[in-house]
mmCIF file of all heavy atoms, coordinates in Angstrom:
data_MODEL
# 
_entry.id   MODEL 
# 
loop_
_atom_site.group_PDB 
_atom_site.id 
_atom_site.type_symbol 
_atom_site.label_atom_id 
_atom_site.label_alt_id 
_atom_site.label_comp_id 
_atom_site.label_asym_id 
_atom_site.label_entity_id 
_atom_site.label_seq_id 
_atom_site.pdbx_PDB_ins_code 
_atom_site.Cartn_x 
_atom_site.Cartn_y 
_atom_site.Cartn_z 
_atom_site.occupancy 
_atom_site.B_iso_or_equiv 
_atom_site.pdbx_formal_charge 
_atom_site.auth_seq_id 
_atom_site.auth_comp_id 
_atom_site.auth_asym_id 
_atom_site.auth_atom_id 
_atom_site.pdbx_PDB_model_num 
ATOM 1   N N   . MET A 1 1  ? -134.743 75.078 42.834 1.00 0.00 ? 1  MET A N   1 
ATOM 2   C CA  . MET A 1 1  ? -136.158 75.488 43.045 1.00 0.00 ? 1  MET A CA  1 
ATOM 3   C C   . MET A 1 1  ? -136.967 74.228 43.175 1.00 0.00 ? 1  MET A C   1 
ATOM 4   O O   . MET A 1 1  ? -136.737 73.223 42.505 1.00 0.00 ? 1  MET A O   1 
ATOM 5   C CB  . MET A 1 1  ? -136.595 76.330 41.850 1.00 0.00 ? 1  MET A CB  1 
ATOM 6   C CG  . MET A 1 1  ? -135.943 77.724 41.824 1.00 0.00 ? 1  MET A CG  1 
ATOM 7   S SD  . MET A 1 1  ? -136.459 78.742 40.419 1.00 0.00 ? 1  MET A SD  1 
ATOM 8   C CE  . MET A 1 1  ? -135.563 77.978 39.127 1.00 0.00 ? 1  MET A CE  1 
ATOM 9   N N   . GLU A 1 2  ? -137.940 74.238 44.105 1.00 0.00 ? 2  GLU A N   1 
ATOM 10  C CA  . GLU A 1 2  ? -138.809 73.115 44.346 1.00 0.00 ? 2  GLU A CA  1 
ATOM 11  C C   . GLU A 1 2  ? -139.477 72.597 43.122 1.00 0.00 ? 2  GLU A C   1 
ATOM 12  O O   . GLU A 1 2  ? -139.803 71.394 43.025 1.00 0.00 ? 2  GLU A O   1 
ATOM 13  C CB  . GLU A 1 2  ? -139.851 73.388 45.435 1.00 0.00 ? 2  GLU A CB  1 
ATOM 14  C CG  . GLU A 1 2  ? -139.167 73.552 46.848 1.00 0.00 ? 2  GLU A CG  1 
ATOM 15  C CD  . GLU A 1 2  ? -140.173 73.699 47.906 1.00 0.00 ? 2  GLU A CD  1 
ATOM 16  O OE1 . GLU A 1 2  ? -141.411 73.695 47.682 1.00 0.00 ? 2  GLU A OE1 1 
ATOM 17  O OE2 . GLU A 1 2  ? -139.736 73.833 49.098 1.00 0.00 ? 2  GLU A OE2 1 
ATOM 18  N N   . LYS A 1 3  ? -139.742 73.469 42.216 1.00 0.00 ? 3  LYS A N   1 
ATOM 19  C CA  . LYS A 1 3  ? -140.451 73.078 40.923 1.00 0.00 ? 3  LYS A CA  1 
ATOM 20  C C   . LYS A 1 3  ? -139.596 72.125 40.003 1.00 0.00 ? 3  LYS A C   1 
ATOM 21  O O   . LYS A 1 3  ? -140.087 71.424 39.202 1.00 0.00 ? 3  LYS A O   1 
ATOM 22  C CB  . LYS A 1 3  ? -140.982 74.234 40.197 1.00 0.00 ? 3  LYS A CB  1 
ATOM 23  C CG  . LYS A 1 3  ? -139.848 75.083 39.551 1.00 0.00 ? 3  LYS A CG  1 
ATOM 24  C CD  . LYS A 1 3  ? -140.400 76.199 38.676 1.00 0.00 ? 3  LYS A CD  1 
ATOM 25  C CE  . LYS A 1 3  ? -139.247 76.921 37.947 1.00 0.00 ? 3  LYS A CE  1 
ATOM 26  N NZ  . LYS A 1 3  ? -138.588 76.152 36.940 1.00 0.00 ? 3  LYS A NZ  1 
ATOM 27  N N   . ASP A 1 4  ? -138.330 72.126 40.215 1.00 0.00 ? 4  ASP A N   1 
ATOM 28  C CA  . ASP A 1 4  ? -137.366 71.389 39.368 1.00 0.00 ? 4  ASP A CA  1 
ATOM 29  C C   . ASP A 1 4  ? -137.251 69.928 39.864 1.00 0.00 ? 4  ASP A C   1 
ATOM 30  O O   . ASP A 1 4  ? -136.187 69.521 40.336 1.00 0.00 ? 4  ASP A O   1 
ATOM 31  C CB  . ASP A 1 4  ? -136.065 72.097 39.272 1.00 0.00 ? 4  ASP A CB  1 
ATOM 32  C CG  . ASP A 1 4  ? -136.154 73.431 38.570 1.00 0.00 ? 4  ASP A CG  1 
ATOM 33  O OD1 . ASP A 1 4  ? -137.005 73.640 37.765 1.00 0.00 ? 4  ASP A OD1 1 
ATOM 34  O OD2 . ASP A 1 4  ? -135.325 74.287 38.828 1.00 0.00 ? 4  ASP A OD2 1 
ATOM 35  N N   . LYS A 1 5  ? -138.283 69.236 39.772 1.00 0.00 ? 5  LYS A N   1 
ATOM 36  C CA  . LYS A 1 5  ? -138.343 67.854 40.279 1.00 0.00 ? 5  LYS A CA  1 
ATOM 37  C C   . LYS A 1 5  ? -137.338 66.897 39.708 1.00 0.00 ? 5  LYS A C   1 
ATOM 38  O O   . LYS A 1 5  ? -136.733 66.075 40.437 1.00 0.00 ? 5  LYS A O   1 
ATOM 39  C CB  . LYS A 1 5  ? -139.744 67.264 40.068 1.00 0.00 ? 5  LYS A CB  1 
ATOM 40  C CG  . LYS A 1 5  ? -140.905 68.128 40.627 1.00 0.00 ? 5  LYS A CG  1 
ATOM 41  C CD  . LYS A 1 5  ? -140.880 68.098 42.113 1.00 0.00 ? 5  LYS A CD  1 
ATOM 42  C CE  . LYS A 1 5  ? -142.145 68.817 42.630 1.00 0.00 ? 5  LYS A CE  1 
ATOM 43  N NZ  . LYS A 1 5  ? -142.035 69.318 43.950 1.00 0.00 ? 5  LYS A NZ  1 
ATOM 44  N N   . ALA A 1 6  ? -137.005 67.015 38.432 1.00 0.00 ? 6  ALA A N   1 
ATOM 45  C CA  . ALA A 1 6  ? -136.021 66.118 37.796 1.00 0.00 ? 6  ALA A CA  1 
ATOM 46  C C   . ALA A 1 6  ? -134.623 66.367 38.380 1.00 0.00 ? 6  ALA A C   1 
ATOM 47  O O   . ALA A 1 6  ? -133.907 65.387 38.732 1.00 0.00 ? 6  ALA A O   1 
ATOM 48  C CB  . ALA A 1 6  ? -136.000 66.266 36.296 1.00 0.00 ? 6  ALA A CB  1 
ATOM 49  N N   . ALA A 1 7  ? -134.324 67.636 38.621 1.00 0.00 ? 7  ALA A N   1 
ATOM 50  C CA  . ALA A 1 7  ? -133.037 67.964 39.207 1.00 0.00 ? 7  ALA A CA  1 
ATOM 51  C C   . ALA A 1 7  ? -132.941 67.407 40.624 1.00 0.00 ? 7  ALA A C   1 
ATOM 52  O O   . ALA A 1 7  ? -131.958 66.832 41.051 1.00 0.00 ? 7  ALA A O   1 
ATOM 53  C CB  . ALA A 1 7  ? -132.756 69.460 39.173 1.00 0.00 ? 7  ALA A CB  1 
ATOM 54  N N   . ILE A 1 8  ? -134.010 67.533 41.395 1.00 0.00 ? 8  ILE A N   1 
ATOM 55  C CA  . ILE A 1 8  ? -134.000 67.050 42.772 1.00 0.00 ? 8  ILE A CA  1 
ATOM 56  C C   . ILE A 1 8  ? -133.845 65.520 42.735 1.00 0.00 ? 8  ILE A C   1 
ATOM 57  O O   . ILE A 1 8  ? -133.102 65.017 43.617 1.00 0.00 ? 8  ILE A O   1 
ATOM 58  C CB  . ILE A 1 8  ? -135.334 67.501 43.434 1.00 0.00 ? 8  ILE A CB  1 
ATOM 59  C CG1 . ILE A 1 8  ? -135.349 68.979 43.675 1.00 0.00 ? 8  ILE A CG1 1 
ATOM 60  C CG2 . ILE A 1 8  ? -135.547 66.726 44.782 1.00 0.00 ? 8  ILE A CG2 1 
ATOM 61  C CD1 . ILE A 1 8  ? -136.649 69.604 44.081 1.00 0.00 ? 8  ILE A CD1 1 
ATOM 62  N N   . ARG A 1 9  ? -134.553 64.830 41.871 1.00 0.00 ? 9  ARG A N   1 
ATOM 63  C CA  . ARG A 1 9  ? -134.323 63.385 41.799 1.00 0.00 ? 9  ARG A CA  1 
ATOM 64  C C   . ARG A 1 9  ? -132.883 63.033 41.482 1.00 0.00 ? 9  ARG A C   1 
ATOM 65  O O   . ARG A 1 9  ? -132.355 62.074 42.157 1.00 0.00 ? 9  ARG A O   1 
ATOM 66  C CB  . ARG A 1 9  ? -135.244 62.759 40.724 1.00 0.00 ? 9  ARG A CB  1 
ATOM 67  C CG  . ARG A 1 9  ? -136.697 62.636 41.138 1.00 0.00 ? 9  ARG A CG  1 
ATOM 68  C CD  . ARG A 1 9  ? -137.551 61.832 40.194 1.00 0.00 ? 9  ARG A CD  1 
ATOM 69  N NE  . ARG A 1 9  ? -137.555 62.339 38.796 1.00 0.00 ? 9  ARG A NE  1 
ATOM 70  C CZ  . ARG A 1 9  ? -138.316 63.210 38.380 1.00 0.00 ? 9  ARG A CZ  1 
ATOM 71  N NH1 . ARG A 1 9  ? -139.301 63.798 39.180 1.00 0.00 ? 9  ARG A NH1 1 
ATOM 72  N NH2 . ARG A 1 9  ? -138.268 63.618 37.061 1.00 0.00 ? 9  ARG A NH2 1 
ATOM 73  N N   . LEU A 1 10 ? -132.268 63.788 40.603 1.00 0.00 ? 10 LEU A N   1 
ATOM 74  C CA  . LEU A 1 10 ? -130.865 63.515 40.232 1.00 0.00 ? 10 LEU A CA  1 
ATOM 75  C C   . LEU A 1 10 ? -129.915 63.691 41.409 1.00 0.00 ? 10 LEU A C   1 
ATOM 76  O O   . LEU A 1 10 ? -129.105 62.822 41.790 1.00 0.00 ? 10 LEU A O   1 
ATOM 77  C CB  . LEU A 1 10 ? -130.365 64.422 39.108 1.00 0.00 ? 10 LEU A CB  1 
ATOM 78  C CG  . LEU A 1 10 ? -128.853 64.371 38.801 1.00 0.00 ? 10 LEU A CG  1 
ATOM 79  C CD1 . LEU A 1 10 ? -128.431 62.977 38.373 1.00 0.00 ? 10 LEU A CD1 1 
ATOM 80  C CD2 . LEU A 1 10 ? -128.544 65.410 37.768 1.00 0.00 ? 10 LEU A CD2 1 
ATOM 81  N N   . TYR A 1 11 ? -130.099 64.834 42.134 1.00 0.00 ? 11 TYR A N   1 
ATOM 82  C CA  . TYR A 1 11 ? -129.233 65.181 43.308 1.00 0.00 ? 11 TYR A CA  1 
ATOM 83  C C   . TYR A 1 11 ? -129.364 64.022 44.348 1.00 0.00 ? 11 TYR A C   1 
ATOM 84  O O   . TYR A 1 11 ? -128.378 63.576 44.950 1.00 0.00 ? 11 TYR A O   1 
ATOM 85  C CB  . TYR A 1 11 ? -129.586 66.484 43.857 1.00 0.00 ? 11 TYR A CB  1 
ATOM 86  C CG  . TYR A 1 11 ? -129.436 67.643 42.901 1.00 0.00 ? 11 TYR A CG  1 
ATOM 87  C CD1 . TYR A 1 11 ? -130.366 68.754 43.077 1.00 0.00 ? 11 TYR A CD1 1 
ATOM 88  C CD2 . TYR A 1 11 ? -128.562 67.618 41.855 1.00 0.00 ? 11 TYR A CD2 1 
ATOM 89  C CE1 . TYR A 1 11 ? -130.202 69.821 42.174 1.00 0.00 ? 11 TYR A CE1 1 
ATOM 90  C CE2 . TYR A 1 11 ? -128.441 68.686 40.964 1.00 0.00 ? 11 TYR A CE2 1 
ATOM 91  C CZ  . TYR A 1 11 ? -129.345 69.729 41.129 1.00 0.00 ? 11 TYR A CZ  1 
ATOM 92  O OH  . TYR A 1 11 ? -129.265 70.832 40.220 1.00 0.00 ? 11 TYR A OH  1 
ATOM 93  N N   . GLU A 1 12 ? -130.683 63.641 44.623 1.00 0.00 ? 12 GLU A N   1 
ATOM 94  C CA  . GLU A 1 12 ? -130.898 62.690 45.712 1.00 0.00 ? 12 GLU A CA  1 
ATOM 95  C C   . GLU A 1 12 ? -130.347 61.325 45.222 1.00 0.00 ? 12 GLU A C   1 
ATOM 96  O O   . GLU A 1 12 ? -129.721 60.546 46.053 1.00 0.00 ? 12 GLU A O   1 
ATOM 97  C CB  . GLU A 1 12 ? -132.334 62.602 46.009 1.00 0.00 ? 12 GLU A CB  1 
ATOM 98  C CG  . GLU A 1 12 ? -132.815 63.849 46.732 1.00 0.00 ? 12 GLU A CG  1 
ATOM 99  C CD  . GLU A 1 12 ? -134.252 63.932 47.078 1.00 0.00 ? 12 GLU A CD  1 
ATOM 100 O OE1 . GLU A 1 12 ? -135.033 63.083 46.658 1.00 0.00 ? 12 GLU A OE1 1 
ATOM 101 O OE2 . GLU A 1 12 ? -134.655 64.901 47.845 1.00 0.00 ? 12 GLU A OE2 1 
ATOM 102 N N   . ARG A 1 13 ? -130.459 60.991 44.004 1.00 0.00 ? 13 ARG A N   1 
ATOM 103 C CA  . ARG A 1 13 ? -129.881 59.729 43.493 1.00 0.00 ? 13 ARG A CA  1 
ATOM 104 C C   . ARG A 1 13 ? -128.406 59.678 43.617 1.00 0.00 ? 13 ARG A C   1 
ATOM 105 O O   . ARG A 1 13 ? -127.780 58.611 43.845 1.00 0.00 ? 13 ARG A O   1 
ATOM 106 C CB  . ARG A 1 13 ? -130.343 59.509 42.037 1.00 0.00 ? 13 ARG A CB  1 
ATOM 107 C CG  . ARG A 1 13 ? -129.876 58.189 41.470 1.00 0.00 ? 13 ARG A CG  1 
ATOM 108 C CD  . ARG A 1 13 ? -130.584 57.758 40.162 1.00 0.00 ? 13 ARG A CD  1 
ATOM 109 N NE  . ARG A 1 13 ? -130.481 58.811 39.094 1.00 0.00 ? 13 ARG A NE  1 
ATOM 110 C CZ  . ARG A 1 13 ? -129.385 59.107 38.357 1.00 0.00 ? 13 ARG A CZ  1 
ATOM 111 N NH1 . ARG A 1 13 ? -128.320 58.348 38.556 1.00 0.00 ? 13 ARG A NH1 1 
ATOM 112 N NH2 . ARG A 1 13 ? -129.400 60.011 37.471 1.00 0.00 ? 13 ARG A NH2 1 
ATOM 113 N N   . LEU A 1 14 ? -127.668 60.861 43.491 1.00 0.00 ? 14 LEU A N   1 
ATOM 114 C CA  . LEU A 1 14 ? -126.278 61.000 43.530 1.00 0.00 ? 14 LEU A CA  1 
ATOM 115 C C   . LEU A 1 14 ? -125.793 61.052 45.010 1.00 0.00 ? 14 LEU A C   1 
ATOM 116 O O   . LEU A 1 14 ? -124.674 61.241 45.281 1.00 0.00 ? 14 LEU A O   1 
ATOM 117 C CB  . LEU A 1 14 ? -125.810 62.171 42.761 1.00 0.00 ? 14 LEU A CB  1 
ATOM 118 C CG  . LEU A 1 14 ? -125.941 62.002 41.242 1.00 0.00 ? 14 LEU A CG  1 
ATOM 119 C CD1 . LEU A 1 14 ? -125.462 63.296 40.535 1.00 0.00 ? 14 LEU A CD1 1 
ATOM 120 C CD2 . LEU A 1 14 ? -125.095 60.832 40.697 1.00 0.00 ? 14 LEU A CD2 1 
ATOM 121 N N   . GLY A 1 15 ? -126.727 60.993 45.992 1.00 0.00 ? 15 GLY A N   1 
ATOM 122 C CA  . GLY A 1 15 ? -126.328 60.997 47.364 1.00 0.00 ? 15 GLY A CA  1 
ATOM 123 C C   . GLY A 1 15 ? -126.368 62.346 48.144 1.00 0.00 ? 15 GLY A C   1 
ATOM 124 O O   . GLY A 1 15 ? -126.024 62.410 49.283 1.00 0.00 ? 15 GLY A O   1 
ATOM 125 N N   . TRP A 1 16 ? -126.826 63.398 47.385 1.00 0.00 ? 16 TRP A N   1 
ATOM 126 C CA  . TRP A 1 16 ? -126.904 64.658 48.061 1.00 0.00 ? 16 TRP A CA  1 
ATOM 127 C C   . TRP A 1 16 ? -128.011 64.626 49.175 1.00 0.00 ? 16 TRP A C   1 
ATOM 128 O O   . TRP A 1 16 ? -128.991 63.956 48.999 1.00 0.00 ? 16 TRP A O   1 
ATOM 129 C CB  . TRP A 1 16 ? -127.317 65.695 47.075 1.00 0.00 ? 16 TRP A CB  1 
ATOM 130 C CG  . TRP A 1 16 ? -126.084 66.110 46.099 1.00 0.00 ? 16 TRP A CG  1 
ATOM 131 C CD1 . TRP A 1 16 ? -125.657 65.270 45.193 1.00 0.00 ? 16 TRP A CD1 1 
ATOM 132 C CD2 . TRP A 1 16 ? -125.377 67.266 46.070 1.00 0.00 ? 16 TRP A CD2 1 
ATOM 133 N NE1 . TRP A 1 16 ? -124.595 65.855 44.458 1.00 0.00 ? 16 TRP A NE1 1 
ATOM 134 C CE2 . TRP A 1 16 ? -124.389 67.103 45.004 1.00 0.00 ? 16 TRP A CE2 1 
ATOM 135 C CE3 . TRP A 1 16 ? -125.391 68.421 46.841 1.00 0.00 ? 16 TRP A CE3 1 
ATOM 136 C CZ2 . TRP A 1 16 ? -123.534 68.175 44.756 1.00 0.00 ? 16 TRP A CZ2 1 
ATOM 137 C CZ3 . TRP A 1 16 ? -124.500 69.471 46.509 1.00 0.00 ? 16 TRP A CZ3 1 
ATOM 138 C CH2 . TRP A 1 16 ? -123.577 69.246 45.537 1.00 0.00 ? 16 TRP A CH2 1 
ATOM 139 N N   . GLN A 1 17 ? -127.790 65.287 50.266 1.00 0.00 ? 17 GLN A N   1 
ATOM 140 C CA  . GLN A 1 17 ? -128.735 65.305 51.398 1.00 0.00 ? 17 GLN A CA  1 
ATOM 141 C C   . GLN A 1 17 ? -129.409 66.640 51.556 1.00 0.00 ? 17 GLN A C   1 
ATOM 142 O O   . GLN A 1 17 ? -128.751 67.618 51.603 1.00 0.00 ? 17 GLN A O   1 
ATOM 143 C CB  . GLN A 1 17 ? -127.990 64.881 52.615 1.00 0.00 ? 17 GLN A CB  1 
ATOM 144 C CG  . GLN A 1 17 ? -127.403 63.489 52.563 1.00 0.00 ? 17 GLN A CG  1 
ATOM 145 C CD  . GLN A 1 17 ? -126.487 63.145 53.667 1.00 0.00 ? 17 GLN A CD  1 
ATOM 146 O OE1 . GLN A 1 17 ? -126.094 63.987 54.477 1.00 0.00 ? 17 GLN A OE1 1 
ATOM 147 N NE2 . GLN A 1 17 ? -126.159 61.863 53.774 1.00 0.00 ? 17 GLN A NE2 1 
ATOM 148 N N   . PHE A 1 18 ? -130.759 66.565 51.763 1.00 0.00 ? 18 PHE A N   1 
ATOM 149 C CA  . PHE A 1 18 ? -131.482 67.797 51.985 1.00 0.00 ? 18 PHE A CA  1 
ATOM 150 C C   . PHE A 1 18 ? -131.124 68.317 53.319 1.00 0.00 ? 18 PHE A C   1 
ATOM 151 O O   . PHE A 1 18 ? -131.086 67.621 54.336 1.00 0.00 ? 18 PHE A O   1 
ATOM 152 C CB  . PHE A 1 18 ? -132.996 67.438 51.968 1.00 0.00 ? 18 PHE A CB  1 
ATOM 153 C CG  . PHE A 1 18 ? -133.912 68.492 52.281 1.00 0.00 ? 18 PHE A CG  1 
ATOM 154 C CD1 . PHE A 1 18 ? -134.223 69.528 51.406 1.00 0.00 ? 18 PHE A CD1 1 
ATOM 155 C CD2 . PHE A 1 18 ? -134.565 68.508 53.529 1.00 0.00 ? 18 PHE A CD2 1 
ATOM 156 C CE1 . PHE A 1 18 ? -134.985 70.559 51.742 1.00 0.00 ? 18 PHE A CE1 1 
ATOM 157 C CE2 . PHE A 1 18 ? -135.426 69.574 53.849 1.00 0.00 ? 18 PHE A CE2 1 
ATOM 158 C CZ  . PHE A 1 18 ? -135.646 70.635 52.952 1.00 0.00 ? 18 PHE A CZ  1 
ATOM 159 N N   . ILE A 1 19 ? -130.939 69.651 53.384 1.00 0.00 ? 19 ILE A N   1 
ATOM 160 C CA  . ILE A 1 19 ? -130.501 70.280 54.634 1.00 0.00 ? 19 ILE A CA  1 
ATOM 161 C C   . ILE A 1 19 ? -131.500 71.469 55.018 1.00 0.00 ? 19 ILE A C   1 
ATOM 162 O O   . ILE A 1 19 ? -131.301 72.048 56.093 1.00 0.00 ? 19 ILE A O   1 
ATOM 163 C CB  . ILE A 1 19 ? -129.062 70.813 54.582 1.00 0.00 ? 19 ILE A CB  1 
ATOM 164 C CG1 . ILE A 1 19 ? -128.819 71.765 53.434 1.00 0.00 ? 19 ILE A CG1 1 
ATOM 165 C CG2 . ILE A 1 19 ? -128.089 69.644 54.598 1.00 0.00 ? 19 ILE A CG2 1 
ATOM 166 C CD1 . ILE A 1 19 ? -127.462 72.464 53.442 1.00 0.00 ? 19 ILE A CD1 1 
ATOM 167 N N   . GLY A 1 20 ? -132.435 71.819 54.223 1.00 0.00 ? 20 GLY A N   1 
ATOM 168 C CA  . GLY A 1 20 ? -133.420 72.814 54.647 1.00 0.00 ? 20 GLY A CA  1 
ATOM 169 C C   . GLY A 1 20 ? -133.910 73.613 53.372 1.00 0.00 ? 20 GLY A C   1 
ATOM 170 O O   . GLY A 1 20 ? -133.543 73.282 52.270 1.00 0.00 ? 20 GLY A O   1 
ATOM 171 N N   . GLY A 1 21 ? -134.836 74.520 53.682 1.00 0.00 ? 21 GLY A N   1 
ATOM 172 C CA  . GLY A 1 21 ? -135.463 75.281 52.575 1.00 0.00 ? 21 GLY A CA  1 
ATOM 173 C C   . GLY A 1 21 ? -134.930 76.674 52.528 1.00 0.00 ? 21 GLY A C   1 
ATOM 174 O O   . GLY A 1 21 ? -134.294 77.144 53.440 1.00 0.00 ? 21 GLY A O   1 
ATOM 175 N N   . ALA A 1 22 ? -135.235 77.296 51.397 1.00 0.00 ? 22 ALA A N   1 
ATOM 176 C CA  . ALA A 1 22 ? -134.878 78.742 51.178 1.00 0.00 ? 22 ALA A CA  1 
ATOM 177 C C   . ALA A 1 22 ? -135.947 79.329 50.234 1.00 0.00 ? 22 ALA A C   1 
ATOM 178 O O   . ALA A 1 22 ? -136.737 78.681 49.724 1.00 0.00 ? 22 ALA A O   1 
ATOM 179 C CB  . ALA A 1 22 ? -133.478 78.723 50.526 1.00 0.00 ? 22 ALA A CB  1 
ATOM 180 N N   . THR A 1 23 ? -135.791 80.628 50.108 1.00 0.00 ? 23 THR A N   1 
ATOM 181 C CA  . THR A 1 23 ? -136.658 81.299 49.154 1.00 0.00 ? 23 THR A CA  1 
ATOM 182 C C   . THR A 1 23 ? -135.843 82.135 48.267 1.00 0.00 ? 23 THR A C   1 
ATOM 183 O O   . THR A 1 23 ? -135.009 82.904 48.694 1.00 0.00 ? 23 THR A O   1 
ATOM 184 C CB  . THR A 1 23 ? -137.664 82.282 49.986 1.00 0.00 ? 23 THR A CB  1 
ATOM 185 O OG1 . THR A 1 23 ? -138.383 81.469 50.854 1.00 0.00 ? 23 THR A OG1 1 
ATOM 186 C CG2 . THR A 1 23 ? -138.646 82.973 48.978 1.00 0.00 ? 23 THR A CG2 1 
ATOM 187 N N   . HIS A 1 24 ? -136.042 81.974 46.915 1.00 0.00 ? 24 HIS A N   1 
ATOM 188 C CA  . HIS A 1 24 ? -135.316 82.822 45.964 1.00 0.00 ? 24 HIS A CA  1 
ATOM 189 C C   . HIS A 1 24 ? -136.140 84.060 45.660 1.00 0.00 ? 24 HIS A C   1 
ATOM 190 O O   . HIS A 1 24 ? -137.288 83.993 45.441 1.00 0.00 ? 24 HIS A O   1 
ATOM 191 C CB  . HIS A 1 24 ? -135.175 82.031 44.600 1.00 0.00 ? 24 HIS A CB  1 
ATOM 192 C CG  . HIS A 1 24 ? -134.130 80.990 44.604 1.00 0.00 ? 24 HIS A CG  1 
ATOM 193 N ND1 . HIS A 1 24 ? -132.866 81.258 44.252 1.00 0.00 ? 24 HIS A ND1 1 
ATOM 194 C CD2 . HIS A 1 24 ? -134.145 79.698 44.981 1.00 0.00 ? 24 HIS A CD2 1 
ATOM 195 C CE1 . HIS A 1 24 ? -132.101 80.146 44.326 1.00 0.00 ? 24 HIS A CE1 1 
ATOM 196 N NE2 . HIS A 1 24 ? -132.951 79.190 44.809 1.00 0.00 ? 24 HIS A NE2 1 
ATOM 197 N N   . GLN A 1 25 ? -135.500 85.161 45.807 1.00 0.00 ? 25 GLN A N   1 
ATOM 198 C CA  . GLN A 1 25 ? -136.029 86.477 45.444 1.00 0.00 ? 25 GLN A CA  1 
ATOM 199 C C   . GLN A 1 25 ? -135.673 86.841 44.072 1.00 0.00 ? 25 GLN A C   1 
ATOM 200 O O   . GLN A 1 25 ? -134.417 86.704 43.722 1.00 0.00 ? 25 GLN A O   1 
ATOM 201 C CB  . GLN A 1 25 ? -135.617 87.489 46.416 1.00 0.00 ? 25 GLN A CB  1 
ATOM 202 C CG  . GLN A 1 25 ? -135.724 87.160 47.904 1.00 0.00 ? 25 GLN A CG  1 
ATOM 203 C CD  . GLN A 1 25 ? -137.166 87.093 48.349 1.00 0.00 ? 25 GLN A CD  1 
ATOM 204 O OE1 . GLN A 1 25 ? -137.979 87.860 47.888 1.00 0.00 ? 25 GLN A OE1 1 
ATOM 205 N NE2 . GLN A 1 25 ? -137.360 86.314 49.425 1.00 0.00 ? 25 GLN A NE2 1 
ATOM 206 N N   . PHE A 1 26 ? -136.581 87.319 43.186 1.00 0.00 ? 26 PHE A N   1 
ATOM 207 C CA  . PHE A 1 26 ? -136.167 87.746 41.880 1.00 0.00 ? 26 PHE A CA  1 
ATOM 208 C C   . PHE A 1 26 ? -137.192 88.745 41.416 1.00 0.00 ? 26 PHE A C   1 
ATOM 209 O O   . PHE A 1 26 ? -138.315 88.894 41.872 1.00 0.00 ? 26 PHE A O   1 
ATOM 210 C CB  . PHE A 1 26 ? -136.114 86.543 40.983 1.00 0.00 ? 26 PHE A CB  1 
ATOM 211 C CG  . PHE A 1 26 ? -137.349 85.772 40.700 1.00 0.00 ? 26 PHE A CG  1 
ATOM 212 C CD1 . PHE A 1 26 ? -138.140 86.091 39.586 1.00 0.00 ? 26 PHE A CD1 1 
ATOM 213 C CD2 . PHE A 1 26 ? -137.826 84.939 41.575 1.00 0.00 ? 26 PHE A CD2 1 
ATOM 214 C CE1 . PHE A 1 26 ? -139.348 85.397 39.395 1.00 0.00 ? 26 PHE A CE1 1 
ATOM 215 C CE2 . PHE A 1 26 ? -139.014 84.214 41.425 1.00 0.00 ? 26 PHE A CE2 1 
ATOM 216 C CZ  . PHE A 1 26 ? -139.771 84.474 40.254 1.00 0.00 ? 26 PHE A CZ  1 
ATOM 217 N N   . GLY A 1 27 ? -136.769 89.402 40.270 1.00 0.00 ? 27 GLY A N   1 
ATOM 218 C CA  . GLY A 1 27 ? -137.712 90.375 39.629 1.00 0.00 ? 27 GLY A CA  1 
ATOM 219 C C   . GLY A 1 27 ? -138.252 91.458 40.561 1.00 0.00 ? 27 GLY A C   1 
ATOM 220 O O   . GLY A 1 27 ? -137.583 91.874 41.461 1.00 0.00 ? 27 GLY A O   1 
# 
């Protein structure tokens, strides 16, 4: 989720590459 900034920083620091966006449906 875009709101999870710390997780995004970790993934990018570990070399993960952004490939596009998505939308989570819930509730």
